[in-house]
Protein backbone atom coordinates (compact mmCIF):
# COMPACT_ATOMS: atom_id res chain seq x y z
CA UNK A 1 6.52 7.64 12.25
CA UNK A 2 5.63 10.17 9.54
CA UNK A 3 1.89 10.52 10.14
CA UNK A 4 0.88 13.18 12.64
CA UNK A 5 -2.77 14.34 12.84
CA UNK A 6 -2.40 17.08 10.22
CA UNK A 7 -0.61 14.84 7.74
CA UNK A 8 -3.06 12.00 8.33
CA UNK A 9 -5.96 14.30 7.42
CA UNK A 10 -4.20 15.61 4.29
CA UNK A 11 -3.30 12.11 3.12
CA UNK A 12 -6.89 10.96 3.66
CA UNK A 13 -8.54 14.00 2.07
CA UNK A 14 -10.70 13.89 -1.06
CA UNK A 15 -8.21 16.30 -2.70
CA UNK A 16 -5.76 13.40 -2.80
CA UNK A 17 -8.07 10.40 -3.13
CA UNK A 18 -10.16 11.86 -5.96
CA UNK A 19 -7.26 11.98 -8.42
CA UNK A 20 -7.75 9.20 -11.05
CA UNK A 21 -4.07 8.29 -10.81
CA UNK A 22 -4.50 7.73 -7.08
CA UNK A 23 -7.51 5.49 -7.61
CA UNK A 24 -5.67 3.43 -10.24
CA UNK A 25 -3.52 1.42 -7.75
CA UNK A 26 -6.54 0.44 -5.67
CA UNK A 27 -8.49 -0.60 -8.78
CA UNK A 28 -5.63 -2.94 -9.76
CA UNK A 29 -5.25 -4.13 -6.18
CA UNK A 30 -8.96 -4.94 -5.80
CA UNK A 31 -8.91 -6.82 -9.11
CA UNK A 32 -6.04 -8.94 -7.75
CA UNK A 33 -7.88 -9.40 -4.44
CA UNK A 34 -10.88 -10.87 -6.27
CA UNK A 35 -14.04 -12.09 -4.57
CA UNK A 36 -13.77 -11.57 -0.81
CA UNK A 37 -17.43 -11.91 0.13
CA UNK A 38 -17.64 -13.67 3.48
CA UNK A 39 -13.86 -13.88 3.87
CA UNK A 40 -12.00 -12.73 6.98
CA UNK A 41 -9.22 -10.36 5.92
CA UNK A 42 -6.36 -8.84 7.90
CA UNK A 43 -5.48 -5.45 6.36
CA UNK A 44 -1.94 -4.42 7.35
CA UNK A 45 -0.98 -0.72 7.25
CA UNK A 46 -4.63 0.20 6.77
CA UNK A 47 -4.01 3.91 7.39
CA UNK A 48 -7.26 5.88 7.57
CA UNK A 49 -9.15 2.78 6.44
CA UNK A 50 -9.54 3.41 2.71
CA UNK A 51 -8.31 -0.07 1.78
CA UNK A 52 -10.28 -1.68 4.61
CA UNK A 53 -13.50 0.01 3.49
CA UNK A 54 -13.01 -1.18 -0.11
CA UNK A 55 -12.72 -4.74 1.19
CA UNK A 56 -15.72 -4.37 3.51
CA UNK A 57 -17.84 -2.97 0.67
CA UNK A 58 -17.22 -6.24 -1.18
CA UNK A 59 -18.49 -8.27 1.75
CA UNK A 60 -15.25 -9.05 3.63
CA UNK A 61 -15.01 -9.13 7.42
CA UNK A 62 -12.03 -6.85 7.93
CA UNK A 63 -9.54 -6.26 10.73
CA UNK A 64 -7.28 -3.26 10.10
CA UNK A 65 -3.90 -2.55 11.68
CA UNK A 66 -1.75 0.58 11.50
CA UNK A 67 1.10 2.07 13.51
CA UNK A 68 -0.40 5.58 13.49
CA UNK A 69 -2.99 6.37 16.21
CA UNK A 70 -4.03 9.41 14.17
CA UNK A 71 -4.75 7.27 11.11
CA UNK A 72 -6.66 4.69 13.16
CA UNK A 73 -8.73 7.46 14.76
CA UNK A 74 -9.76 8.65 11.28
CA UNK A 75 -10.50 5.08 10.22
CA UNK A 76 -12.78 4.53 13.19
CA UNK A 77 -14.66 7.75 12.46
CA UNK A 78 -15.33 6.64 8.87
CA UNK A 79 -16.48 3.08 9.51
CA UNK A 80 -18.12 1.44 12.49
CA UNK A 81 -18.22 -2.12 11.13
CA UNK A 82 -14.45 -2.68 10.85
CA UNK A 83 -12.25 -3.67 13.77
CA UNK A 84 -9.12 -1.49 13.99
CA UNK A 85 -5.97 -1.81 16.12
CA UNK A 86 -2.88 0.36 16.61
CA UNK A 87 0.11 -1.95 16.04
CA UNK A 88 3.53 -1.69 14.40
CA UNK A 89 3.67 -4.07 11.43
CA UNK A 90 7.49 -3.77 11.41
CA UNK A 91 7.59 -5.56 14.77
CA UNK A 92 6.45 -9.06 15.68
CA UNK A 93 2.82 -9.25 16.79
CA UNK A 94 0.05 -11.82 16.92
CA UNK A 95 -3.71 -11.59 16.60
CA UNK A 96 -3.97 -15.10 18.02
CA UNK A 97 -5.57 -16.48 14.86
CA UNK A 98 -5.24 -16.79 11.09
CA UNK A 99 -7.21 -15.20 8.23
CA UNK A 100 -8.46 -16.11 4.77
CA UNK A 101 -6.39 -13.32 3.23
CA UNK A 102 -3.83 -10.72 4.29
CA UNK A 103 -3.59 -7.41 2.48
CA UNK A 104 -1.00 -4.66 2.78
CA UNK A 105 -1.39 -1.37 0.91
CA UNK A 106 1.89 0.57 1.04
CA UNK A 107 3.56 -1.13 3.97
CA UNK A 108 6.71 -2.77 2.63
CA UNK A 109 8.05 0.49 1.14
CA UNK A 110 8.50 1.82 4.70
CA UNK A 111 10.81 -1.00 5.83
CA UNK A 112 13.96 0.83 6.97
CA UNK A 113 16.07 -2.36 7.03
CA UNK A 114 15.99 -5.76 5.39
CA UNK A 115 15.22 -7.25 8.81
CA UNK A 116 12.15 -4.99 9.07
CA UNK A 117 11.03 -6.02 5.59
CA UNK A 118 11.29 -9.69 6.57
CA UNK A 119 9.40 -9.08 9.82
CA UNK A 120 6.55 -7.35 7.97
CA UNK A 121 6.26 -10.29 5.61
CA UNK A 122 6.57 -12.77 8.48
CA UNK A 123 3.65 -11.07 10.24
CA UNK A 124 1.62 -11.55 7.07
CA UNK A 125 2.63 -15.22 6.72
CA UNK A 126 1.92 -16.08 10.35
CA UNK A 127 -1.65 -14.76 10.05
CA UNK A 128 -2.54 -16.59 6.84
CA UNK A 129 -4.31 -19.90 6.48
CA UNK A 130 -2.09 -22.39 4.65
CA UNK A 131 -2.30 -21.89 0.88
CA UNK A 132 -4.05 -18.52 1.16
CA UNK A 133 -2.82 -15.26 -0.38
CA UNK A 134 -1.06 -12.05 0.51
CA UNK A 135 -2.14 -9.24 -1.86
CA UNK A 136 -0.03 -6.13 -1.44
CA UNK A 137 0.44 -2.70 -2.98
CA UNK A 138 3.93 -1.27 -2.86
CA UNK A 139 6.23 1.00 -4.84
CA UNK A 140 7.80 -0.57 -7.96
CA UNK A 141 11.48 -1.54 -8.17
CA UNK A 142 11.97 1.55 -10.39
CA UNK A 143 10.43 4.12 -8.03
CA UNK A 144 11.62 7.47 -9.41
CA UNK A 145 8.92 9.48 -11.21
CA UNK A 146 9.73 12.95 -12.53
CA UNK A 147 7.02 15.62 -12.25
CA UNK A 148 4.58 15.56 -15.18
CA UNK A 149 1.41 17.48 -16.09
CA UNK A 150 -1.75 16.09 -14.44
CA UNK A 151 0.30 13.69 -12.32
CA UNK A 152 -0.74 12.86 -8.76
CA UNK A 153 2.83 12.34 -7.59
CA UNK A 154 6.54 12.64 -8.26
CA UNK A 155 9.62 11.27 -6.50
CA UNK A 156 13.33 11.90 -6.12
CA UNK A 157 16.25 10.18 -4.40
CA UNK A 158 17.36 11.25 -0.94
CA UNK A 159 20.22 8.75 -0.77
CA UNK A 160 22.49 6.96 -3.22
CA UNK A 161 20.12 5.73 -5.99
CA UNK A 162 19.25 2.13 -6.91
CA UNK A 163 20.72 0.59 -3.81
CA UNK A 164 18.70 -1.54 -1.41
CA UNK A 165 17.77 0.57 1.58
CA UNK A 166 18.15 3.90 -0.22
CA UNK A 167 15.48 6.46 0.63
CA UNK A 168 13.44 8.46 -1.83
CA UNK A 169 10.88 11.21 -1.31
CA UNK A 170 7.37 10.77 -2.72
CA UNK A 171 5.43 14.02 -3.16
CA UNK A 172 1.65 13.91 -3.72
CA UNK A 173 -0.47 16.48 -5.61
CA UNK A 174 -4.19 17.15 -6.03
CA UNK A 175 -6.09 17.60 -9.30
CA UNK A 176 -5.07 21.27 -9.39
CA UNK A 177 -1.40 20.34 -9.19
CA UNK A 178 -1.03 21.67 -5.64
CA UNK A 179 1.24 19.73 -3.31
CA UNK A 180 -0.80 17.90 -0.68
CA UNK A 181 1.82 16.02 1.32
CA UNK A 182 4.96 13.91 1.03
CA UNK A 183 6.63 10.87 2.55
CA UNK A 184 10.04 9.27 2.73
CA UNK A 185 10.03 5.74 1.26
CA UNK A 186 12.67 3.02 1.07
CA UNK A 187 13.80 1.32 -2.14
CA UNK A 188 14.04 -2.49 -2.26
CA UNK A 189 14.81 -4.40 -5.45
CA UNK A 190 12.51 -7.05 -6.88
CA UNK A 191 15.07 -9.73 -6.01
CA UNK A 192 15.16 -8.51 -2.41
CA UNK A 193 11.37 -8.50 -2.11
CA UNK A 194 11.19 -12.04 -3.43
CA UNK A 195 14.06 -13.26 -1.23
CA UNK A 196 12.29 -11.86 1.85
CA UNK A 197 8.95 -13.38 0.84
CA UNK A 198 10.49 -16.82 0.29
CA UNK A 199 12.44 -16.57 3.54
CA UNK A 200 9.15 -16.52 5.49
CA UNK A 201 7.46 -19.23 3.40
CA UNK A 202 5.73 -17.46 0.50
CA UNK A 203 5.73 -18.92 -3.02
CA UNK A 204 4.03 -18.29 -6.39
CA UNK A 205 5.05 -14.64 -6.34
CA UNK A 206 3.45 -12.48 -9.04
CA UNK A 207 4.09 -8.81 -9.89
CA UNK A 208 1.20 -6.96 -11.53
CA UNK A 209 1.83 -3.59 -13.16
CA UNK A 210 -1.02 -1.10 -13.41
CA UNK A 211 -3.06 -0.40 -16.53
CA UNK A 212 -4.92 2.86 -17.10
CA UNK A 213 -8.63 2.99 -16.35
CA UNK A 214 -11.06 4.88 -18.61
CA UNK A 215 -11.06 7.59 -15.95
CA UNK A 216 -7.31 8.11 -16.28
CA UNK A 217 -7.54 8.17 -20.07
CA UNK A 218 -9.28 11.56 -19.90
CA UNK A 219 -5.77 13.07 -19.75
CA UNK A 220 -3.85 13.57 -22.99
CA UNK A 221 -0.71 12.12 -21.41
CA UNK A 222 -2.44 9.10 -19.90
CA UNK A 223 0.15 6.67 -21.30
CA UNK A 224 2.87 8.47 -19.35
CA UNK A 225 0.71 8.54 -16.22
CA UNK A 226 0.11 4.80 -16.60
CA UNK A 227 3.78 4.01 -17.14
CA UNK A 228 5.20 6.32 -14.48
CA UNK A 229 3.16 5.20 -11.50
CA UNK A 230 4.37 4.87 -7.93
CA UNK A 231 2.56 1.58 -7.37
CA UNK A 232 2.70 -2.10 -8.22
CA UNK A 233 0.74 -5.14 -6.95
CA UNK A 234 2.43 -8.20 -5.45
CA UNK A 235 0.53 -11.46 -4.93
CA UNK A 236 2.06 -14.40 -3.05
CA UNK A 237 0.67 -17.54 -1.41
């Protein structure tokens, strides 16, 4: 587990979240989520609750799950109307019920093995009403982003590149270009993602690349920041 208390606070700080390139993935994700008013949503890998709060602000009844006690502690401090639990989404678990939607913001990119990736997706499938949707944020199949001016992140390979299961390091910066924190992620190809999703019963898989918001277009190199992003949306039912 990569999130201790200090790292959880850095990752959840306004220095990171306020960068327009960091807000871009969640804008695209919420557009894909659509109208959730009155829906019951299970938010996997909720972290410090940023994704859960976005859903709750749109009227969803949210249950958030994360493996990090430090992240869940921060989430509980920041919202009293969301139910949070410390659970490992890479292992089998049950909430004893199903939901109208399952979301997962940056969960699948931490699957250390294909079996873990399948288990994460199986947990999502088992908690969904039939015909309902999984809406996830993850890293794209082409995850390496070289450092650029005004960028909120960069990444580099730690293992042999472009091989399923290879690790890469994602480094995050604030608006001043100062390094905030970093995490080791795992690369999985688009074919592997889709094979795992279908293995647990998902269909109608859609990949949605991000498009720059007006806020991001304040930067002269906004096209590069749009193209070289560490995020992509996956929707499956």
